[in-house]
């Protein structure tokens, strides 16, 4: 590890929550943002652990790559890896819910209504909060309304150092490798608005801000 490099964990992609051996609940995350962040962090000489849900990309040559599927698997891995890290970039789109019961065989049509009961997954950042001292926690927010209000609320509620927010509307779809409008907010209430920028550029700006916060924290 190079001098002054930061040990960064980047989580990326979706989690998937099985219903039966064939079907699952997930979301539209492609993992592009997380992979671009990992690539930029590596380019700067940082020690990167990339933890990824199922995506259709080849991972960059990180110092460590860990593939996960469910939110529970992601939390379990993070509890081990966070102890050796300086910074967590929580870019993965974690499923908020999972089926309460997982069928061990493929569900067959029966002509009857099928109900699947969902239960909440644990809040990963909250579960990791006891490890937050002397580390940076970076979060992401995807909102369909009240972008600034909801994002700042999440920053405070989860005790984050920095949060990256983008919106999902009919005219602005943040999935895949597209130009985005994002808002970056730090714990000091500094706001940075990026308009129509690709995810590589957003990653570059984000790493600049992570480095600024890291060296500020190390001086105090």
C-alpha atoms as a PDB file:
ATOM      1  CA  UNK A   1       0.000   0.000   0.000  1.00  0.00           C
ATOM      2  CA  UNK A   2       1.381   3.378  -0.982  1.00  0.00           C
ATOM      3  CA  UNK A   3       2.108   6.019   1.622  1.00  0.00           C
ATOM      4  CA  UNK A   4      -0.937   8.168   2.394  1.00  0.00           C
ATOM      5  CA  UNK A   5      -3.238   5.829   0.497  1.00  0.00           C
ATOM      6  CA  UNK A   6      -6.689   5.176   1.919  1.00  0.00           C
ATOM      7  CA  UNK A   7      -8.117   1.725   2.561  1.00  0.00           C
ATOM      8  CA  UNK A   8     -11.481   2.008   0.831  1.00  0.00           C
ATOM      9  CA  UNK A   9     -14.389  -0.426   0.718  1.00  0.00           C
ATOM     10  CA  UNK A  10     -16.736   0.121  -2.211  1.00  0.00           C
ATOM     11  CA  UNK A  11     -20.029  -1.752  -2.364  1.00  0.00           C
ATOM     12  CA  UNK A  12     -21.715  -1.944  -5.762  1.00  0.00           C
ATOM     13  CA  UNK A  13     -24.647  -3.362  -7.666  1.00  0.00           C
ATOM     14  CA  UNK A  14     -27.946  -4.751  -6.398  1.00  0.00           C
ATOM     15  CA  UNK A  15     -28.703  -7.356  -3.795  1.00  0.00           C
ATOM     16  CA  UNK A  16     -31.095 -10.158  -4.687  1.00  0.00           C
ATOM     17  CA  UNK A  17     -33.511 -11.764  -2.212  1.00  0.00           C
ATOM     18  CA  UNK A  18     -34.686 -15.265  -3.197  1.00  0.00           C
ATOM     19  CA  UNK A  19     -38.334 -16.255  -3.353  1.00  0.00           C
ATOM     20  CA  UNK A  20     -37.643 -19.794  -4.542  1.00  0.00           C
ATOM     21  CA  UNK A  21     -34.671 -21.451  -6.339  1.00  0.00           C
ATOM     22  CA  UNK A  22     -35.603 -19.619  -9.562  1.00  0.00           C
ATOM     23  CA  UNK A  23     -37.129 -16.259  -8.616  1.00  0.00           C
ATOM     24  CA  UNK A  24     -35.968 -13.346  -6.517  1.00  0.00           C
ATOM     25  CA  UNK A  25     -36.673  -9.734  -5.544  1.00  0.00           C
ATOM     26  CA  UNK A  26     -34.131  -7.150  -6.669  1.00  0.00           C
ATOM     27  CA  UNK A  27     -33.830  -3.690  -8.200  1.00  0.00           C
ATOM     28  CA  UNK A  28     -32.535  -2.015 -11.357  1.00  0.00           C
ATOM     29  CA  UNK A  29     -29.001  -1.237 -10.180  1.00  0.00           C
ATOM     30  CA  UNK A  30     -26.347  -2.039 -12.790  1.00  0.00           C
ATOM     31  CA  UNK A  31     -23.324  -1.494 -10.537  1.00  0.00           C
ATOM     32  CA  UNK A  32     -21.737   1.007 -12.942  1.00  0.00           C
ATOM     33  CA  UNK A  33     -21.421   3.786 -10.362  1.00  0.00           C
ATOM     34  CA  UNK A  34     -19.751   1.567  -7.770  1.00  0.00           C
ATOM     35  CA  UNK A  35     -17.358   0.078 -10.314  1.00  0.00           C
ATOM     36  CA  UNK A  36     -16.365   3.539 -11.584  1.00  0.00           C
ATOM     37  CA  UNK A  37     -15.687   4.649  -8.002  1.00  0.00           C
ATOM     38  CA  UNK A  38     -13.531   1.576  -7.398  1.00  0.00           C
ATOM     39  CA  UNK A  39     -11.613   2.217 -10.634  1.00  0.00           C
ATOM     40  CA  UNK A  40     -10.950   5.855  -9.709  1.00  0.00           C
ATOM     41  CA  UNK A  41      -9.897   4.937  -6.171  1.00  0.00           C
ATOM     42  CA  UNK A  42      -7.465   2.367  -7.583  1.00  0.00           C
ATOM     43  CA  UNK A  43      -6.115   4.843 -10.143  1.00  0.00           C
ATOM     44  CA  UNK A  44      -5.153   7.123  -7.250  1.00  0.00           C
ATOM     45  CA  UNK A  45      -3.196   4.376  -5.524  1.00  0.00           C
ATOM     46  CA  UNK A  46      -5.678   3.532  -2.796  1.00  0.00           C
ATOM     47  CA  UNK A  47      -6.177   0.042  -1.412  1.00  0.00           C
ATOM     48  CA  UNK A  48      -9.622  -0.993  -2.588  1.00  0.00           C
ATOM     49  CA  UNK A  49     -11.932  -3.809  -1.535  1.00  0.00           C
ATOM     50  CA  UNK A  50     -14.848  -4.118  -3.966  1.00  0.00           C
ATOM     51  CA  UNK A  51     -17.924  -5.953  -2.691  1.00  0.00           C
ATOM     52  CA  UNK A  52     -20.437  -6.491  -5.468  1.00  0.00           C
ATOM     53  CA  UNK A  53     -23.869  -7.900  -6.031  1.00  0.00           C
ATOM     54  CA  UNK A  54     -24.647  -9.643  -9.343  1.00  0.00           C
ATOM     55  CA  UNK A  55     -23.779  -7.375 -12.294  1.00  0.00           C
ATOM     56  CA  UNK A  56     -22.863  -7.826 -15.956  1.00  0.00           C
ATOM     57  CA  UNK A  57     -19.374  -6.320 -15.707  1.00  0.00           C
ATOM     58  CA  UNK A  58     -15.852  -7.534 -15.164  1.00  0.00           C
ATOM     59  CA  UNK A  59     -14.563  -6.128 -11.872  1.00  0.00           C
ATOM     60  CA  UNK A  60     -11.464  -3.926 -11.855  1.00  0.00           C
ATOM     61  CA  UNK A  61      -8.276  -5.389 -10.420  1.00  0.00           C
ATOM     62  CA  UNK A  62      -9.031  -4.392  -6.829  1.00  0.00           C
ATOM     63  CA  UNK A  63      -6.869  -5.575  -3.950  1.00  0.00           C
ATOM     64  CA  UNK A  64      -9.813  -7.736  -2.916  1.00  0.00           C
ATOM     65  CA  UNK A  65     -13.045  -8.603  -4.722  1.00  0.00           C
ATOM     66  CA  UNK A  66     -15.964 -10.240  -2.903  1.00  0.00           C
ATOM     67  CA  UNK A  67     -19.159 -11.322  -4.658  1.00  0.00           C
ATOM     68  CA  UNK A  68     -22.382 -11.317  -2.633  1.00  0.00           C
ATOM     69  CA  UNK A  69     -26.046 -11.818  -3.408  1.00  0.00           C
ATOM     70  CA  UNK A  70     -28.295 -11.001  -0.449  1.00  0.00           C
ATOM     71  CA  UNK A  71     -28.378  -8.054   1.952  1.00  0.00           C
ATOM     72  CA  UNK A  72     -27.590 -10.419   4.815  1.00  0.00           C
ATOM     73  CA  UNK A  73     -24.479 -11.659   2.993  1.00  0.00           C
ATOM     74  CA  UNK A  74     -23.383  -8.069   2.353  1.00  0.00           C
ATOM     75  CA  UNK A  75     -23.777  -7.137   6.017  1.00  0.00           C
ATOM     76  CA  UNK A  76     -21.875 -10.219   7.149  1.00  0.00           C
ATOM     77  CA  UNK A  77     -18.956  -9.448   4.827  1.00  0.00           C
ATOM     78  CA  UNK A  78     -18.893  -5.767   5.788  1.00  0.00           C
ATOM     79  CA  UNK A  79     -18.729  -6.545   9.513  1.00  0.00           C
ATOM     80  CA  UNK A  80     -15.455  -8.359   8.823  1.00  0.00           C
ATOM     81  CA  UNK A  81     -13.952  -6.003   6.255  1.00  0.00           C
ATOM     82  CA  UNK A  82     -14.830  -2.664   7.906  1.00  0.00           C
ATOM     83  CA  UNK A  83     -12.366  -3.288  10.731  1.00  0.00           C
ATOM     84  CA  UNK A  84      -9.487  -3.042   8.246  1.00  0.00           C
ATOM     85  CA  UNK A  85     -10.821  -0.037   6.315  1.00  0.00           C
ATOM     86  CA  UNK A  86     -10.543   3.746   6.515  1.00  0.00           C
ATOM     87  CA  UNK A  87     -13.545   4.528   4.338  1.00  0.00           C
ATOM     88  CA  UNK A  88     -16.792   2.834   3.336  1.00  0.00           C
ATOM     89  CA  UNK A  89     -18.478   3.920   0.106  1.00  0.00           C
ATOM     90  CA  UNK A  90     -21.925   2.365   0.361  1.00  0.00           C
ATOM     91  CA  UNK A  91     -22.940   2.496  -3.291  1.00  0.00           C
ATOM     92  CA  UNK A  92     -24.751  -0.860  -3.440  1.00  0.00           C
ATOM     93  CA  UNK A  93     -28.510  -0.721  -3.953  1.00  0.00           C
ATOM     94  CA  UNK A  94     -29.556  -2.880  -1.037  1.00  0.00           C
ATOM     95  CA  UNK A  95     -33.029  -4.413  -1.112  1.00  0.00           C
ATOM     96  CA  UNK A  96     -35.089  -2.956   1.715  1.00  0.00           C
ATOM     97  CA  UNK A  97     -37.227  -6.074   1.958  1.00  0.00           C
ATOM     98  CA  UNK A  98     -36.884  -9.841   1.605  1.00  0.00           C
ATOM     99  CA  UNK A  99     -39.423 -12.676   1.555  1.00  0.00           C
ATOM    100  CA  UNK A 100     -40.213 -13.928   5.037  1.00  0.00           C
ATOM    101  CA  UNK A 101     -40.315 -17.495   3.711  1.00  0.00           C
ATOM    102  CA  UNK A 102     -38.152 -18.898   0.894  1.00  0.00           C
ATOM    103  CA  UNK A 103     -39.641 -21.857  -0.970  1.00  0.00           C
ATOM    104  CA  UNK A 104     -37.218 -24.755  -1.437  1.00  0.00           C
ATOM    105  CA  UNK A 105     -38.855 -25.725  -4.748  1.00  0.00           C
ATOM    106  CA  UNK A 106     -40.004 -23.689  -7.735  1.00  0.00           C
ATOM    107  CA  UNK A 107     -43.464 -22.297  -7.113  1.00  0.00           C
ATOM    108  CA  UNK A 108     -45.959 -23.764  -9.594  1.00  0.00           C
ATOM    109  CA  UNK A 109     -49.099 -22.110 -10.906  1.00  0.00           C
ATOM    110  CA  UNK A 110     -52.184 -23.330  -9.102  1.00  0.00           C
ATOM    111  CA  UNK A 111     -54.875 -20.990 -10.372  1.00  0.00           C
ATOM    112  CA  UNK A 112     -55.030 -19.434  -6.918  1.00  0.00           C
ATOM    113  CA  UNK A 113     -53.805 -16.113  -5.616  1.00  0.00           C
ATOM    114  CA  UNK A 114     -50.242 -16.229  -4.277  1.00  0.00           C
ATOM    115  CA  UNK A 115     -49.220 -13.902  -1.479  1.00  0.00           C
ATOM    116  CA  UNK A 116     -45.584 -13.347  -0.549  1.00  0.00           C
ATOM    117  CA  UNK A 117     -45.009 -11.763   2.848  1.00  0.00           C
ATOM    118  CA  UNK A 118     -42.036  -9.403   3.002  1.00  0.00           C
ATOM    119  CA  UNK A 119     -39.959  -8.392   6.003  1.00  0.00           C
ATOM    120  CA  UNK A 120     -37.447  -5.556   6.278  1.00  0.00           C
ATOM    121  CA  UNK A 121     -33.753  -6.166   5.873  1.00  0.00           C
ATOM    122  CA  UNK A 122     -31.482  -4.684   8.519  1.00  0.00           C
ATOM    123  CA  UNK A 123     -30.201  -1.145   7.970  1.00  0.00           C
ATOM    124  CA  UNK A 124     -26.581  -1.889   7.062  1.00  0.00           C
ATOM    125  CA  UNK A 125     -25.174   1.546   7.865  1.00  0.00           C
ATOM    126  CA  UNK A 126     -26.927   1.515  11.221  1.00  0.00           C
ATOM    127  CA  UNK A 127     -25.579  -1.959  11.967  1.00  0.00           C
ATOM    128  CA  UNK A 128     -22.058  -0.729  11.164  1.00  0.00           C
ATOM    129  CA  UNK A 129     -22.345   2.533  13.113  1.00  0.00           C
ATOM    130  CA  UNK A 130     -20.246   1.230  16.015  1.00  0.00           C
ATOM    131  CA  UNK A 131     -17.271   1.024  13.613  1.00  0.00           C
ATOM    132  CA  UNK A 132     -17.665   4.611  12.420  1.00  0.00           C
ATOM    133  CA  UNK A 133     -15.068   6.234  14.704  1.00  0.00           C
ATOM    134  CA  UNK A 134     -12.032   7.445  12.729  1.00  0.00           C
ATOM    135  CA  UNK A 135     -13.540   6.178   9.479  1.00  0.00           C
ATOM    136  CA  UNK A 136     -15.440   7.878   6.672  1.00  0.00           C
ATOM    137  CA  UNK A 137     -18.923   6.634   5.791  1.00  0.00           C
ATOM    138  CA  UNK A 138     -20.224   7.648   2.360  1.00  0.00           C
ATOM    139  CA  UNK A 139     -23.835   6.996   1.389  1.00  0.00           C
ATOM    140  CA  UNK A 140     -26.042   7.280  -1.689  1.00  0.00           C
ATOM    141  CA  UNK A 141     -29.617   8.423  -2.024  1.00  0.00           C
ATOM    142  CA  UNK A 142     -32.053   7.792  -4.857  1.00  0.00           C
ATOM    143  CA  UNK A 143     -35.244   9.797  -4.509  1.00  0.00           C
ATOM    144  CA  UNK A 144     -38.431  10.165  -6.530  1.00  0.00           C
ATOM    145  CA  UNK A 145     -39.456  13.371  -4.717  1.00  0.00           C
ATOM    146  CA  UNK A 146     -38.106  16.055  -2.350  1.00  0.00           C
ATOM    147  CA  UNK A 147     -34.503  15.301  -3.328  1.00  0.00           C
ATOM    148  CA  UNK A 148     -32.744  17.836  -1.101  1.00  0.00           C
ATOM    149  CA  UNK A 149     -34.947  17.378   1.954  1.00  0.00           C
ATOM    150  CA  UNK A 150     -34.923  13.569   1.872  1.00  0.00           C
ATOM    151  CA  UNK A 151     -31.210  13.367   1.136  1.00  0.00           C
ATOM    152  CA  UNK A 152     -30.154  15.706   3.917  1.00  0.00           C
ATOM    153  CA  UNK A 153     -32.451  13.845   6.296  1.00  0.00           C
ATOM    154  CA  UNK A 154     -30.719  10.577   5.362  1.00  0.00           C
ATOM    155  CA  UNK A 155     -27.269  12.159   5.848  1.00  0.00           C
ATOM    156  CA  UNK A 156     -28.186  13.181   9.408  1.00  0.00           C
ATOM    157  CA  UNK A 157     -30.154  10.049  10.304  1.00  0.00           C
ATOM    158  CA  UNK A 158     -27.390   7.692   9.254  1.00  0.00           C
ATOM    159  CA  UNK A 159     -24.591   9.925  10.583  1.00  0.00           C
ATOM    160  CA  UNK A 160     -22.821  10.010   7.219  1.00  0.00           C
ATOM    161  CA  UNK A 161     -19.789  12.100   6.336  1.00  0.00           C
ATOM    162  CA  UNK A 162     -20.904  12.531   2.740  1.00  0.00           C
ATOM    163  CA  UNK A 163     -23.875  11.586   0.616  1.00  0.00           C
ATOM    164  CA  UNK A 164     -24.432  11.480  -3.147  1.00  0.00           C
ATOM    165  CA  UNK A 165     -28.004  12.018  -4.268  1.00  0.00           C
ATOM    166  CA  UNK A 166     -29.767  11.607  -7.563  1.00  0.00           C
ATOM    167  CA  UNK A 167     -33.381  11.543  -8.592  1.00  0.00           C
ATOM    168  CA  UNK A 168     -35.491   9.076 -10.512  1.00  0.00           C
ATOM    169  CA  UNK A 169     -38.079  10.704 -12.743  1.00  0.00           C
ATOM    170  CA  UNK A 170     -39.567  10.088 -16.175  1.00  0.00           C
ATOM    171  CA  UNK A 171     -36.905  12.416 -17.614  1.00  0.00           C
ATOM    172  CA  UNK A 172     -33.960  11.346 -15.454  1.00  0.00           C
ATOM    173  CA  UNK A 173     -33.080   7.668 -15.159  1.00  0.00           C
ATOM    174  CA  UNK A 174     -29.857   7.101 -13.155  1.00  0.00           C
ATOM    175  CA  UNK A 175     -29.415   3.446 -14.090  1.00  0.00           C
ATOM    176  CA  UNK A 176     -26.719   2.160 -16.476  1.00  0.00           C
ATOM    177  CA  UNK A 177     -23.832   4.342 -17.715  1.00  0.00           C
ATOM    178  CA  UNK A 178     -25.622   7.608 -18.425  1.00  0.00           C
ATOM    179  CA  UNK A 179     -24.995  11.261 -17.743  1.00  0.00           C
ATOM    180  CA  UNK A 180     -26.525  12.246 -14.420  1.00  0.00           C
ATOM    181  CA  UNK A 181     -27.530  15.240 -12.379  1.00  0.00           C
ATOM    182  CA  UNK A 182     -26.281  14.598  -8.847  1.00  0.00           C
ATOM    183  CA  UNK A 183     -26.050  16.497  -5.602  1.00  0.00           C
ATOM    184  CA  UNK A 184     -23.162  15.847  -3.203  1.00  0.00           C
ATOM    185  CA  UNK A 185     -23.598  16.992   0.407  1.00  0.00           C
ATOM    186  CA  UNK A 186     -21.069  16.669   3.225  1.00  0.00           C
ATOM    187  CA  UNK A 187     -21.606  16.779   6.995  1.00  0.00           C
ATOM    188  CA  UNK A 188     -20.514  20.435   7.045  1.00  0.00           C
ATOM    189  CA  UNK A 189     -23.484  21.329   4.782  1.00  0.00           C
ATOM    190  CA  UNK A 190     -21.291  21.935   1.741  1.00  0.00           C
ATOM    191  CA  UNK A 191     -23.260  21.308  -1.462  1.00  0.00           C
ATOM    192  CA  UNK A 192     -21.885  20.407  -4.883  1.00  0.00           C
ATOM    193  CA  UNK A 193     -24.248  20.143  -7.836  1.00  0.00           C
ATOM    194  CA  UNK A 194     -23.104  18.275 -10.947  1.00  0.00           C
ATOM    195  CA  UNK A 195     -25.195  18.562 -14.093  1.00  0.00           C
ATOM    196  CA  UNK A 196     -25.168  16.082 -16.994  1.00  0.00           C
ATOM    197  CA  UNK A 197     -21.926  14.375 -15.930  1.00  0.00           C
ATOM    198  CA  UNK A 198     -20.981  10.772 -16.576  1.00  0.00           C
ATOM    199  CA  UNK A 199     -20.268   8.380 -13.736  1.00  0.00           C
ATOM    200  CA  UNK A 200     -16.499   8.443 -14.289  1.00  0.00           C
ATOM    201  CA  UNK A 201     -16.473  12.223 -13.785  1.00  0.00           C
ATOM    202  CA  UNK A 202     -18.748  11.955 -10.742  1.00  0.00           C
ATOM    203  CA  UNK A 203     -16.377   9.360  -9.289  1.00  0.00           C
ATOM    204  CA  UNK A 204     -13.435  11.715  -9.806  1.00  0.00           C
ATOM    205  CA  UNK A 205     -15.194  14.534  -7.937  1.00  0.00           C
ATOM    206  CA  UNK A 206     -16.317  12.151  -5.199  1.00  0.00           C
ATOM    207  CA  UNK A 207     -12.783  10.851  -4.630  1.00  0.00           C
ATOM    208  CA  UNK A 208     -11.518  14.427  -4.376  1.00  0.00           C
ATOM    209  CA  UNK A 209     -14.044  15.072  -1.625  1.00  0.00           C
ATOM    210  CA  UNK A 210     -13.273  11.814   0.171  1.00  0.00           C
ATOM    211  CA  UNK A 211      -9.576  12.692   0.185  1.00  0.00           C
ATOM    212  CA  UNK A 212     -10.313  16.197   1.511  1.00  0.00           C
ATOM    213  CA  UNK A 213     -12.431  14.801   4.349  1.00  0.00           C
ATOM    214  CA  UNK A 214      -9.889  12.085   5.126  1.00  0.00           C
ATOM    215  CA  UNK A 215      -6.930  14.412   5.461  1.00  0.00           C
ATOM    216  CA  UNK A 216      -9.045  16.902   7.417  1.00  0.00           C
ATOM    217  CA  UNK A 217      -9.993  14.138   9.849  1.00  0.00           C
ATOM    218  CA  UNK A 218      -6.383  12.957  10.156  1.00  0.00           C
ATOM    219  CA  UNK A 219      -5.238  16.470  11.119  1.00  0.00           C
ATOM    220  CA  UNK A 220      -7.630  16.572  14.076  1.00  0.00           C
END
